[in-house]
Protein backbone atom coordinates (compact mmCIF):
# COMPACT_ATOMS: atom_id res chain seq x y z
CA ILE A 1 -123.04 159.87 -82.00
CA ILE A 2 -122.09 156.43 -80.90
CA PRO A 3 -118.59 156.23 -80.03
CA SER A 4 -115.88 153.69 -82.01
CA SER A 5 -115.45 151.89 -78.87
CA ILE A 6 -119.28 150.48 -79.16
CA LEU A 7 -119.46 150.27 -82.75
CA ASN A 8 -116.49 147.97 -82.85
CA HIS A 9 -117.37 146.04 -79.74
CA SER A 10 -117.64 142.44 -80.84
CA LEU A 11 -120.49 140.08 -79.33
CA SER A 12 -118.38 137.26 -79.03
CA SER A 13 -116.19 139.00 -76.42
CA LEU A 14 -119.48 139.16 -74.18
CA ASN A 15 -118.73 135.47 -73.66
CA PRO A 16 -115.33 134.40 -73.66
CA ASP A 17 -115.40 130.82 -73.33
CA LYS A 18 -114.43 128.75 -76.05
CA THR A 19 -115.54 124.81 -76.70
CA TYR A 20 -112.93 121.99 -76.55
CA ILE A 21 -112.97 118.82 -77.69
CA ALA A 22 -110.59 116.47 -75.95
CA ILE A 23 -109.70 112.82 -75.66
CA ASP A 24 -108.28 110.16 -73.15
CA ARG A 25 -105.92 108.26 -75.36
CA ILE A 26 -106.33 104.91 -73.24
CA SER A 27 -109.93 104.79 -72.82
CA GLY A 28 -110.99 106.62 -76.41
CA LEU A 29 -113.32 108.51 -74.60
CA CYS A 30 -113.94 112.32 -76.00
CA LYS A 31 -114.72 115.03 -73.61
CA ILE A 32 -116.76 118.21 -74.94
CA GLY A 33 -116.42 121.18 -72.54
CA LYS A 34 -116.05 125.00 -72.49
CA ALA A 35 -113.39 127.41 -71.05
CA THR A 36 -112.32 130.71 -70.96
CA ASN A 37 -108.68 129.43 -70.98
CA ILE A 38 -107.85 126.22 -72.96
CA LYS A 39 -104.39 125.74 -71.85
CA LYS A 40 -105.28 125.90 -68.16
CA ARG A 41 -108.34 123.75 -68.48
CA LEU A 42 -106.00 121.29 -70.09
CA SER A 43 -103.70 121.83 -67.20
CA ALA A 44 -106.66 120.94 -64.84
CA LEU A 45 -107.85 118.02 -66.65
CA ARG A 46 -104.28 116.53 -66.27
CA VAL A 47 -104.02 116.62 -62.75
CA SER A 48 -106.43 113.59 -62.95
CA ASN A 49 -105.79 112.15 -65.97
CA ILE A 50 -102.46 112.70 -67.45
CA ASN A 51 -103.82 110.49 -70.90
CA ILE A 52 -105.85 113.49 -71.93
CA GLU A 53 -105.12 114.99 -75.18
CA MET A 54 -106.91 118.56 -76.40
CA ILE A 55 -107.44 118.04 -79.94
CA TYR A 56 -109.92 120.87 -81.14
CA THR A 57 -111.07 124.06 -79.95
CA ILE A 58 -113.75 126.90 -81.38
CA ASP A 59 -114.04 130.34 -80.20
CA ASP A 60 -117.55 129.87 -79.20
CA ASP A 61 -119.76 128.61 -76.74
CA ILE A 62 -121.59 125.34 -78.51
CA GLU A 63 -120.86 123.31 -75.52
CA SER A 64 -124.57 122.64 -74.85
CA TYR A 65 -125.25 122.34 -78.58
CA MET A 66 -122.61 119.83 -78.94
CA HIS A 67 -123.93 117.64 -76.08
CA LYS A 68 -127.71 117.51 -77.44
CA LEU A 69 -126.21 116.90 -80.91
CA LEU A 70 -124.12 113.76 -79.51
CA SER A 71 -126.51 112.64 -76.62
CA GLY A 72 -126.57 109.42 -78.13
CA PHE A 73 -123.17 108.64 -77.35
CA LYS A 74 -122.89 110.05 -73.76
CA GLU A 75 -120.91 108.15 -71.01
CA ASP A 76 -121.15 110.15 -68.46
CA ARG A 77 -121.87 113.80 -68.17
CA GLU A 78 -119.17 115.68 -70.66
CA TRP A 79 -117.75 112.20 -71.93
CA PHE A 80 -118.69 110.77 -75.10
CA ASN A 81 -118.01 107.38 -76.78
CA ILE A 82 -117.54 108.74 -80.10
CA ASP A 83 -114.97 107.16 -82.76
CA GLU A 84 -112.42 109.70 -83.69
CA GLY A 85 -113.07 109.62 -87.09
CA ILE A 86 -116.84 110.83 -86.61
CA ILE A 87 -115.06 113.61 -84.26
CA ASN A 88 -112.89 114.94 -86.88
CA SER A 89 -116.08 115.04 -89.40
CA ILE A 90 -118.06 116.97 -86.55
CA ALA A 91 -114.89 119.51 -86.05
CA LYS A 92 -114.54 120.08 -89.59
CA LYS A 93 -118.20 120.96 -90.12
CA TYR A 94 -118.69 123.17 -86.96
CA GLY A 95 -115.30 124.90 -87.66
CA PHE A 96 -113.35 123.82 -85.04
CA LYS A 97 -109.53 124.27 -85.29
CA LYS A 98 -106.92 121.66 -84.30
CA TYR A 99 -105.46 122.65 -81.05
CA LYS A 100 -101.78 123.21 -81.01
CA GLN A 101 -100.15 121.99 -77.92
């Protein structure tokens, strides 16, 4: 007999990281990253740049996949020079949700 705690265990709970898309409203660059706690991550990002706004999140760790997908737009490590309209389309296609500030 398998305990219900094991049967009801979600694989997504094994990796609590979420992927996020943030934008620097001054430069227009987008940051694609991952964090367990999005609110804390946003606070940490704003220490060095108050113009960052979290725009999308998804409850999956797809950061590496998104980096590969968008590698042609990469400016620096996790920063990408992508039109916000394209970001909106990507977010919709991959099931990102708008971040509620």
